[in-house]
Amino acid sequence: MPPAGIRMSPVRLQFLGSGDALGSGGRLQTCLHLHGGGAGGMLMDIGASSLVAMKRAGVDPSSIEWIALTHLHGDHFAGLPFLVLDGQFSRRARPLTIAGPTGVEARVKAAMDVLFPGLSGVAQRFPLQFVELVDRRPTTLGPVLVTPFAVVHASGAPSYALRVEYGGTVIAYSGDTEWTDALVEASAGADLFVCEAYFFDKRVKYHLDWATLSANRTRLTSRRLIVTHMSQDMLDHLRAVDVETAHDGLTLTLG
């Protein structure tokens, strides 16, 4: 809680990217920006197009102090090599902590070297730290508390939904997954649940469709629900969706 008489700034969630891996609807890949609330800037996921998204939205990449990754697919973590390189050229000094599934450091450094050979071996101008998330184990990142919940999505490492306590606000984020009861637990009582709805009513392995999510809505106790990571099929059916839907640049004020 803030000291008596101190008014905390509201928490804002900005969808820098709301799209899928294929850029459906011309949308940028997944990147959710949390800021305000007396805490530093944080990202949930950072797809390959995220540095472009940040600069387009006027977000200083060096203001990001923590990044929590749901899983290790390119449209959710491949923006990291570009962010690190930008930090080198901009003479970033602020430390950066990256939290993700088991093996996150090795996967990120491998991506760095594929895209920019030798980058992982360059001495960074700023402290760069990796933290491995463990299912249902709360992890502290500065003033942020992140609790991962294992979900059903093959990515070469564990995939998680995230429950993030930030600036007195609780935000849950599904990442990519087919329906699992872990989503009920991760989003219980949250101020906001950001959930994938990849297809409208087509059921595919490892992804969630709107029809299945809608059928389970009464089990969700979050105060607010917004869907994201939509394929062209889902975008074509938005008139039939009766909850909020994300788009690039959408900014929500929470709390």
Protein backbone atom coordinates (compact mmCIF):
# COMPACT_ATOMS: atom_id res chain seq x y z
CA MET A 1 0.00 0.00 0.00
CA PRO A 2 1.28 3.54 -0.70
CA PRO A 3 2.02 5.84 2.27
CA ALA A 4 -0.91 7.88 3.64
CA GLY A 5 -1.60 10.94 1.53
CA ILE A 6 0.28 9.62 -1.51
CA ARG A 7 -1.90 9.14 -4.58
CA MET A 8 -0.63 6.40 -6.86
CA SER A 9 -0.97 6.89 -10.59
CA PRO A 10 -3.45 4.50 -12.24
CA VAL A 11 -2.23 1.28 -13.78
CA ARG A 12 -2.51 1.20 -17.56
CA LEU A 13 -2.38 -1.80 -19.85
CA GLN A 14 -1.44 -0.98 -23.41
CA PHE A 15 -1.78 -3.52 -26.22
CA LEU A 16 1.33 -2.69 -28.23
CA GLY A 17 0.58 -5.79 -30.27
CA SER A 18 -2.63 -7.83 -30.25
CA GLY A 19 -2.12 -10.12 -33.22
CA ASP A 20 -1.25 -13.73 -33.86
CA ALA A 21 1.91 -15.23 -35.35
CA LEU A 22 0.66 -14.62 -38.90
CA GLY A 23 -0.17 -10.93 -38.59
CA SER A 24 -3.89 -11.51 -39.17
CA GLY A 25 -5.73 -8.27 -39.84
CA GLY A 26 -2.38 -6.48 -40.19
CA ARG A 27 -1.92 -6.61 -36.42
CA LEU A 28 1.44 -6.64 -34.70
CA GLN A 29 2.50 -9.65 -32.66
CA THR A 30 1.69 -10.07 -28.98
CA CYS A 31 3.09 -7.46 -26.59
CA LEU A 32 1.27 -6.12 -23.51
CA HIS A 33 2.71 -3.07 -21.76
CA LEU A 34 1.96 -2.39 -18.08
CA HIS A 35 2.89 0.99 -16.65
CA GLY A 36 1.87 3.41 -13.90
CA GLY A 37 0.87 2.50 -10.38
CA GLY A 38 4.19 3.66 -8.96
CA ALA A 39 6.05 0.75 -10.62
CA GLY A 40 8.41 0.69 -13.58
CA GLY A 41 7.44 -0.45 -17.05
CA MET A 42 6.75 -4.13 -17.68
CA LEU A 43 5.92 -6.25 -20.71
CA MET A 44 3.99 -9.48 -20.91
CA ASP A 45 5.37 -11.20 -24.00
CA ILE A 46 7.40 -9.50 -26.69
CA GLY A 47 6.74 -10.80 -30.19
CA ALA A 48 9.12 -10.21 -33.09
CA SER A 49 7.46 -6.92 -34.11
CA SER A 50 7.44 -5.44 -30.60
CA LEU A 51 10.30 -2.95 -30.92
CA VAL A 52 8.51 -1.39 -33.88
CA ALA A 53 5.29 -1.35 -31.82
CA MET A 54 7.02 0.39 -28.90
CA LYS A 55 8.52 3.11 -31.03
CA ARG A 56 5.30 3.62 -32.95
CA ALA A 57 3.44 4.08 -29.64
CA GLY A 58 6.08 6.42 -28.17
CA VAL A 59 7.21 3.91 -25.53
CA ASP A 60 10.89 4.25 -24.66
CA PRO A 61 12.33 0.70 -24.84
CA SER A 62 14.77 1.62 -22.05
CA SER A 63 11.82 2.26 -19.71
CA ILE A 64 11.02 -1.46 -19.67
CA GLU A 65 12.48 -3.05 -16.54
CA TRP A 66 10.80 -6.47 -16.51
CA ILE A 67 9.47 -8.85 -19.14
CA ALA A 68 7.41 -11.92 -18.29
CA LEU A 69 7.05 -14.51 -21.05
CA THR A 70 4.15 -16.93 -21.31
CA HIS A 71 6.00 -19.30 -23.64
CA LEU A 72 8.82 -19.54 -26.14
CA HIS A 73 7.26 -19.15 -29.57
CA GLY A 74 8.59 -16.44 -31.85
CA ASP A 75 5.43 -14.33 -31.78
CA HIS A 76 5.76 -14.16 -27.99
CA PHE A 77 9.52 -13.78 -27.34
CA ALA A 78 11.41 -13.06 -30.58
CA GLY A 79 11.41 -9.31 -29.99
CA LEU A 80 14.06 -9.75 -27.30
CA PRO A 81 17.14 -9.77 -29.58
CA PHE A 82 15.99 -6.48 -31.09
CA LEU A 83 15.32 -4.96 -27.65
CA VAL A 84 18.77 -5.97 -26.40
CA LEU A 85 20.45 -4.59 -29.52
CA ASP A 86 18.51 -1.34 -29.20
CA GLY A 87 19.71 -1.09 -25.60
CA GLN A 88 23.31 -1.41 -26.75
CA PHE A 89 23.00 1.34 -29.35
CA SER A 90 20.99 3.66 -27.10
CA ARG A 91 23.48 3.17 -24.23
CA ARG A 92 20.78 1.85 -21.97
CA ALA A 93 21.79 1.74 -18.28
CA ARG A 94 18.60 0.50 -16.59
CA PRO A 95 18.72 -3.23 -15.71
CA LEU A 96 16.43 -5.62 -17.58
CA THR A 97 15.00 -8.80 -16.05
CA ILE A 98 13.47 -11.45 -18.29
CA ALA A 99 11.32 -14.12 -16.66
CA GLY A 100 10.12 -17.14 -18.58
CA PRO A 101 9.82 -20.91 -18.70
CA THR A 102 12.63 -23.38 -18.02
CA GLY A 103 15.48 -22.81 -20.46
CA VAL A 104 14.52 -19.22 -21.21
CA GLU A 105 18.09 -17.89 -21.10
CA ALA A 106 19.42 -20.50 -23.53
CA ARG A 107 16.50 -20.01 -25.95
CA VAL A 108 16.81 -16.21 -25.92
CA LYS A 109 20.57 -16.30 -26.44
CA ALA A 110 20.19 -18.81 -29.26
CA ALA A 111 17.69 -16.47 -30.93
CA MET A 112 20.08 -13.56 -30.46
CA ASP A 113 22.85 -15.46 -32.23
CA VAL A 114 20.63 -16.67 -35.08
CA LEU A 115 19.45 -13.15 -35.84
CA PHE A 116 22.69 -11.29 -35.00
CA PRO A 117 25.62 -13.77 -34.87
CA GLY A 118 27.77 -13.23 -31.79
CA LEU A 119 25.29 -10.92 -30.04
CA SER A 120 24.90 -13.16 -27.00
CA GLY A 121 28.66 -12.95 -26.35
CA VAL A 122 28.84 -9.16 -26.45
CA ALA A 123 29.28 -7.52 -23.03
CA GLN A 124 26.05 -5.71 -22.32
CA ARG A 125 26.06 -2.02 -21.39
CA PHE A 126 23.23 -2.77 -18.96
CA PRO A 127 22.59 -5.59 -16.45
CA LEU A 128 20.62 -8.40 -18.09
CA GLN A 129 19.13 -11.06 -15.82
CA PHE A 130 17.09 -14.19 -16.54
CA VAL A 131 14.64 -15.79 -14.12
CA GLU A 132 12.98 -19.18 -14.64
CA LEU A 133 9.31 -19.39 -13.75
CA VAL A 134 7.93 -22.51 -12.05
CA ASP A 135 4.29 -23.62 -12.14
CA ARG A 136 2.23 -21.95 -9.38
CA ARG A 137 5.30 -20.55 -7.66
CA PRO A 138 4.99 -16.76 -7.12
CA THR A 139 8.07 -14.93 -8.37
CA THR A 140 9.00 -11.36 -7.42
CA LEU A 141 10.30 -9.06 -10.15
CA GLY A 142 11.05 -5.77 -8.42
CA PRO A 143 7.64 -4.54 -7.18
CA VAL A 144 5.81 -7.02 -9.43
CA LEU A 145 4.58 -10.46 -8.33
CA VAL A 146 4.16 -13.00 -11.14
CA THR A 147 2.53 -16.40 -10.65
CA PRO A 148 2.61 -18.81 -13.62
CA PHE A 149 0.01 -21.51 -14.22
CA ALA A 150 0.86 -24.36 -16.57
CA VAL A 151 -1.41 -24.48 -19.62
CA VAL A 152 -1.74 -26.71 -22.70
CA HIS A 153 0.42 -25.40 -25.54
CA ALA A 154 3.46 -27.13 -27.08
CA SER A 155 6.39 -24.71 -27.34
CA GLY A 156 9.51 -26.74 -26.52
CA ALA A 157 9.30 -25.66 -22.89
CA PRO A 158 6.52 -25.20 -20.34
CA SER A 159 3.79 -22.77 -21.40
CA TYR A 160 2.05 -20.61 -18.84
CA ALA A 161 -0.87 -18.35 -18.14
CA LEU A 162 0.34 -15.49 -15.97
CA ARG A 163 -1.22 -13.82 -12.94
CA VAL A 164 0.51 -10.48 -12.42
CA GLU A 165 0.11 -8.26 -9.35
CA TYR A 166 1.25 -4.80 -10.39
CA GLY A 167 0.67 -1.46 -8.66
CA GLY A 168 -2.18 -2.86 -6.56
CA THR A 169 -3.91 -4.35 -9.61
CA VAL A 170 -4.20 -8.00 -10.67
CA ILE A 171 -4.03 -8.84 -14.37
CA ALA A 172 -4.31 -12.40 -15.67
CA TYR A 173 -3.17 -13.35 -19.16
CA SER A 174 -3.79 -16.72 -20.78
CA GLY A 175 -0.91 -16.79 -23.22
CA ASP A 176 -1.66 -19.45 -25.85
CA THR A 177 -3.54 -22.54 -24.73
CA GLU A 178 -6.51 -24.78 -25.36
CA TRP A 179 -9.13 -24.68 -22.62
CA THR A 180 -7.83 -25.79 -19.22
CA ASP A 181 -9.18 -25.27 -15.73
CA ALA A 182 -5.89 -23.54 -14.91
CA LEU A 183 -7.39 -20.47 -16.59
CA VAL A 184 -10.13 -20.37 -13.96
CA GLU A 185 -7.54 -20.45 -11.20
CA ALA A 186 -5.14 -17.97 -12.81
CA SER A 187 -7.86 -15.37 -13.38
CA ALA A 188 -9.83 -15.82 -10.14
CA GLY A 189 -10.92 -12.41 -8.85
CA ALA A 190 -8.52 -10.56 -11.16
CA ASP A 191 -9.25 -6.97 -12.17
CA LEU A 192 -8.76 -8.03 -15.79
CA PHE A 193 -8.37 -11.32 -17.65
CA VAL A 194 -6.79 -11.06 -21.10
CA CYS A 195 -7.55 -14.29 -22.92
CA GLU A 196 -6.73 -15.79 -26.27
CA ALA A 197 -9.60 -16.47 -28.66
CA TYR A 198 -7.79 -17.69 -31.75
CA PHE A 199 -10.74 -19.13 -33.69
CA PHE A 200 -14.46 -18.36 -33.45
CA ASP A 201 -15.86 -21.89 -33.09
CA LYS A 202 -13.24 -24.13 -34.68
CA ARG A 203 -11.49 -26.29 -32.09
CA VAL A 204 -7.81 -26.95 -32.66
CA LYS A 205 -5.15 -28.47 -30.45
CA TYR A 206 -3.19 -26.01 -28.25
CA HIS A 207 -5.41 -22.97 -28.97
CA LEU A 208 -8.66 -21.59 -27.56
CA ASP A 209 -11.74 -20.69 -29.58
CA TRP A 210 -14.43 -18.18 -28.67
CA ALA A 211 -17.21 -20.78 -28.47
CA THR A 212 -15.32 -22.77 -25.83
CA LEU A 213 -14.35 -19.65 -23.89
CA SER A 214 -17.95 -18.40 -23.99
CA ALA A 215 -19.23 -21.75 -22.73
CA ASN A 216 -16.96 -21.41 -19.70
CA ARG A 217 -17.54 -17.70 -18.94
CA THR A 218 -19.69 -18.36 -15.89
CA ARG A 219 -16.71 -20.11 -14.29
CA LEU A 220 -14.54 -17.00 -14.65
CA THR A 221 -14.61 -14.55 -11.73
CA SER A 222 -12.43 -11.78 -13.11
CA ARG A 223 -14.04 -8.34 -13.06
CA ARG A 224 -13.34 -7.81 -16.74
CA LEU A 225 -12.58 -10.01 -19.76
CA ILE A 226 -10.97 -9.00 -23.03
CA VAL A 227 -9.96 -11.32 -25.86
CA THR A 228 -6.86 -11.07 -28.00
CA HIS A 229 -4.52 -13.08 -30.32
CA MET A 230 -7.27 -13.49 -32.91
CA SER A 231 -6.92 -15.22 -36.28
CA GLN A 232 -8.61 -13.87 -39.40
CA ASP A 233 -11.46 -16.31 -38.74
CA MET A 234 -12.08 -14.73 -35.34
CA LEU A 235 -11.72 -11.19 -36.70
CA ASP A 236 -14.37 -12.00 -39.30
CA HIS A 237 -16.82 -12.91 -36.51
CA LEU A 238 -16.30 -9.97 -34.14
CA ARG A 239 -19.94 -8.85 -34.43
CA ALA A 240 -20.94 -12.10 -32.73
CA VAL A 241 -18.58 -11.61 -29.77
CA ASP A 242 -20.19 -10.03 -26.70
CA VAL A 243 -17.07 -9.06 -24.73
CA GLU A 244 -14.33 -6.51 -25.28
CA THR A 245 -11.79 -7.30 -27.98
CA ALA A 246 -8.23 -6.04 -28.18
CA HIS A 247 -6.61 -4.10 -31.01
CA ASP A 248 -3.16 -2.61 -31.47
CA GLY A 249 -2.84 0.58 -29.42
CA LEU A 250 -5.78 -0.11 -27.14
CA THR A 251 -5.02 1.29 -23.66
CA LEU A 252 -7.03 0.32 -20.58
CA THR A 253 -6.96 2.17 -17.24
CA LEU A 254 -7.29 -0.23 -14.32
CA GLY A 255 -7.99 0.51 -10.68
